[in-house]
Amino acid sequence: MNAVDLVLRAYWERLHEKLIERSEAIETQIGPLLGEEIDRRGYRDLIEHQRYEAYREASVAFLAERIEAYNPIGLQYTFDKARREAAFELEQGLEWYNSRAEWKELVDAAGEKTKVLLGDETLGQAAEELIVEMGAYPDRSIISVYEQLPALQKLPDYILARAIEAMIR
């Protein structure tokens, strides 16, 4: 494992911890953010109460998925590197947002953090700095694509991305 991989692993671990620690607060923010976005985009006439609840529940469910995606003991470390890269490419092709540029920026920023000799303490600090500077991957991609072309089917991902970003910094 190279130094960039170490920094990124620390980044995933810290995001996993933060999302677990703040999951209740993130869930609490989802409802108000969803209501604001529905009003802002003029979706109120399209969404009755049951549908609103479905969007809110989808956002909450996506939080559980995101927490597991950041789990350092998860599948991203189970497979060999070639299979992880293939799975990553497949995942990026299936998402409605394109996070390749954001991923490259994250890896480049992690590389910058490795210019200082990294011990356990500085590794944790590097992870915190990455979170502050880059946010939780792939939130920036989700937010920017949604804001360019908003759509109801993208709403749960977007609301969760905004709630996570508000709570992790």
Protein backbone atom coordinates (compact mmCIF):
# COMPACT_ATOMS: atom_id res chain seq x y z
CA MET A 1 0.00 0.00 0.00
CA ASN A 2 1.47 3.36 -0.98
CA ALA A 3 1.23 6.62 0.98
CA VAL A 4 -1.77 7.91 -1.02
CA ASP A 5 -3.64 4.68 -0.32
CA LEU A 6 -2.89 5.12 3.41
CA VAL A 7 -4.26 8.67 3.41
CA LEU A 8 -7.37 7.62 1.48
CA ARG A 9 -7.95 4.69 3.82
CA ALA A 10 -7.73 7.08 6.79
CA TYR A 11 -10.15 9.41 4.94
CA TRP A 12 -12.68 6.55 4.47
CA GLU A 13 -12.28 5.47 8.10
CA ARG A 14 -12.83 8.99 9.40
CA LEU A 15 -15.86 9.53 7.15
CA HIS A 16 -17.28 6.22 8.39
CA GLU A 17 -16.80 7.32 12.01
CA LYS A 18 -18.26 10.79 11.41
CA LEU A 19 -21.34 9.47 9.64
CA ILE A 20 -22.00 6.96 12.41
CA GLU A 21 -21.45 9.63 15.10
CA ARG A 22 -23.68 12.14 13.33
CA SER A 23 -26.23 9.88 11.64
CA GLU A 24 -29.12 11.04 13.87
CA ALA A 25 -28.29 14.69 13.19
CA ILE A 26 -28.04 14.00 9.45
CA GLU A 27 -31.42 12.21 9.51
CA THR A 28 -32.91 15.19 11.37
CA GLN A 29 -31.68 17.54 8.63
CA ILE A 30 -33.10 15.48 5.77
CA GLY A 31 -36.75 16.50 6.35
CA PRO A 32 -36.19 20.26 6.42
CA LEU A 33 -33.76 20.14 3.48
CA LEU A 34 -36.23 18.08 1.47
CA GLY A 35 -39.07 20.50 2.23
CA GLU A 36 -36.93 23.49 1.26
CA GLU A 37 -35.86 21.88 -2.02
CA ILE A 38 -39.42 20.86 -2.91
CA ASP A 39 -40.55 24.45 -2.39
CA ARG A 40 -37.52 25.95 -4.17
CA ARG A 41 -38.00 23.78 -7.27
CA GLY A 42 -41.78 24.05 -7.36
CA TYR A 43 -42.30 20.34 -6.74
CA ARG A 44 -44.97 20.92 -4.08
CA ASP A 45 -47.82 20.37 -6.56
CA LEU A 46 -46.24 17.11 -7.73
CA ILE A 47 -45.57 15.58 -4.32
CA GLU A 48 -48.35 14.63 -1.94
CA HIS A 49 -47.60 13.57 1.65
CA GLN A 50 -47.04 9.86 0.91
CA ARG A 51 -44.59 10.64 -1.86
CA TYR A 52 -42.79 13.17 0.33
CA GLU A 53 -42.35 10.45 2.97
CA ALA A 54 -41.02 8.07 0.31
CA TYR A 55 -38.37 10.62 -0.75
CA ARG A 56 -37.44 11.25 2.88
CA GLU A 57 -37.19 7.52 3.60
CA ALA A 58 -35.08 6.98 0.47
CA SER A 59 -32.64 9.67 1.64
CA VAL A 60 -32.39 8.00 5.06
CA ALA A 61 -31.84 4.59 3.42
CA PHE A 62 -29.08 6.09 1.26
CA LEU A 63 -27.39 7.25 4.47
CA ALA A 64 -27.11 3.63 5.62
CA GLU A 65 -25.66 2.70 2.23
CA ARG A 66 -23.15 5.55 2.41
CA ILE A 67 -22.05 4.55 5.91
CA GLU A 68 -21.43 1.01 4.67
CA ALA A 69 -19.61 2.28 1.57
CA TYR A 70 -17.14 4.10 3.83
CA ASN A 71 -16.73 1.08 6.11
CA PRO A 72 -12.97 0.37 6.11
CA ILE A 73 -13.61 -3.31 6.72
CA GLY A 74 -16.03 -3.41 3.79
CA LEU A 75 -15.76 -4.93 0.37
CA GLN A 76 -13.43 -2.29 -1.03
CA TYR A 77 -10.61 -4.05 0.86
CA THR A 78 -11.78 -7.62 0.29
CA PHE A 79 -10.93 -7.97 -3.39
CA ASP A 80 -7.60 -7.63 -5.13
CA LYS A 81 -6.71 -4.23 -6.61
CA ALA A 82 -7.65 -5.09 -10.22
CA ARG A 83 -11.13 -6.23 -9.21
CA ARG A 84 -11.63 -3.16 -6.98
CA GLU A 85 -10.72 -0.88 -9.89
CA ALA A 86 -13.11 -2.71 -12.24
CA ALA A 87 -15.90 -2.49 -9.65
CA PHE A 88 -15.18 1.22 -9.17
CA GLU A 89 -15.40 1.87 -12.92
CA LEU A 90 -18.64 -0.08 -13.15
CA GLU A 91 -20.13 1.84 -10.23
CA GLN A 92 -19.18 5.18 -11.77
CA GLY A 93 -20.82 4.19 -15.04
CA LEU A 94 -24.06 3.26 -13.28
CA GLU A 95 -24.49 6.47 -11.27
CA TRP A 96 -26.51 9.41 -12.61
CA TYR A 97 -23.67 11.74 -11.66
CA ASN A 98 -20.12 11.51 -12.99
CA SER A 99 -17.65 11.67 -10.12
CA ARG A 100 -14.46 10.84 -12.04
CA ALA A 101 -13.14 14.41 -11.86
CA GLU A 102 -13.98 14.63 -8.16
CA TRP A 103 -12.21 11.30 -7.56
CA LYS A 104 -9.07 12.56 -9.34
CA GLU A 105 -9.12 15.75 -7.24
CA LEU A 106 -9.48 13.67 -4.07
CA VAL A 107 -6.57 11.40 -5.01
CA ASP A 108 -4.44 14.43 -5.96
CA ALA A 109 -5.27 16.13 -2.65
CA ALA A 110 -4.41 12.91 -0.79
CA GLY A 111 -1.09 12.89 -2.64
CA GLU A 112 -0.37 16.40 -1.39
CA LYS A 113 -0.93 15.22 2.18
CA THR A 114 1.76 12.55 1.74
CA LYS A 115 4.51 15.09 1.17
CA VAL A 116 4.99 15.22 4.93
CA LEU A 117 6.15 12.06 6.64
CA LEU A 118 2.98 10.42 7.89
CA GLY A 119 2.74 8.81 11.31
CA ASP A 120 -0.50 7.72 12.99
CA GLU A 121 -1.18 11.21 14.32
CA THR A 122 -0.47 13.05 11.09
CA LEU A 123 -2.39 10.42 9.11
CA GLY A 124 -5.52 11.22 11.11
CA GLN A 125 -4.87 14.92 10.68
CA ALA A 126 -4.43 14.43 6.92
CA ALA A 127 -7.78 12.59 6.80
CA GLU A 128 -9.51 15.43 8.68
CA GLU A 129 -7.95 18.01 6.35
CA LEU A 130 -9.13 16.05 3.31
CA ILE A 131 -12.67 15.95 4.68
CA VAL A 132 -12.65 19.71 5.29
CA GLU A 133 -11.10 20.49 1.90
CA MET A 134 -12.83 17.90 -0.29
CA GLY A 135 -15.99 16.94 1.59
CA ALA A 136 -17.40 13.42 1.51
CA TYR A 137 -16.86 11.78 -1.85
CA PRO A 138 -18.97 11.84 -4.11
CA ASP A 139 -21.13 14.64 -2.61
CA ARG A 140 -19.70 17.47 -4.72
CA SER A 141 -20.52 15.55 -7.91
CA ILE A 142 -24.03 14.75 -6.73
CA ILE A 143 -24.74 18.34 -5.70
CA SER A 144 -23.32 19.98 -8.82
CA VAL A 145 -25.06 17.64 -11.29
CA TYR A 146 -28.39 17.96 -9.49
CA GLU A 147 -28.13 21.75 -9.37
CA GLN A 148 -27.36 21.85 -13.11
CA LEU A 149 -30.28 19.57 -13.97
CA PRO A 150 -32.64 19.00 -11.03
CA ALA A 151 -34.99 16.03 -11.19
CA LEU A 152 -37.24 14.27 -8.71
CA GLN A 153 -35.47 10.91 -9.10
CA LYS A 154 -32.20 12.57 -8.04
CA LEU A 155 -33.74 14.28 -5.00
CA PRO A 156 -32.92 11.68 -2.28
CA ASP A 157 -29.22 11.50 -3.25
CA TYR A 158 -29.03 15.29 -3.42
CA ILE A 159 -30.72 15.86 -0.05
CA LEU A 160 -28.48 13.30 1.63
CA ALA A 161 -25.34 14.84 0.06
CA ARG A 162 -26.32 18.28 1.36
CA ALA A 163 -27.12 16.92 4.84
CA ILE A 164 -23.81 15.05 5.04
CA GLU A 165 -21.81 18.06 3.91
CA ALA A 166 -23.51 20.25 6.53
CA MET A 167 -22.66 17.81 9.30
CA ILE A 168 -19.10 16.62 8.59
CA ARG A 169 -17.20 19.89 8.61
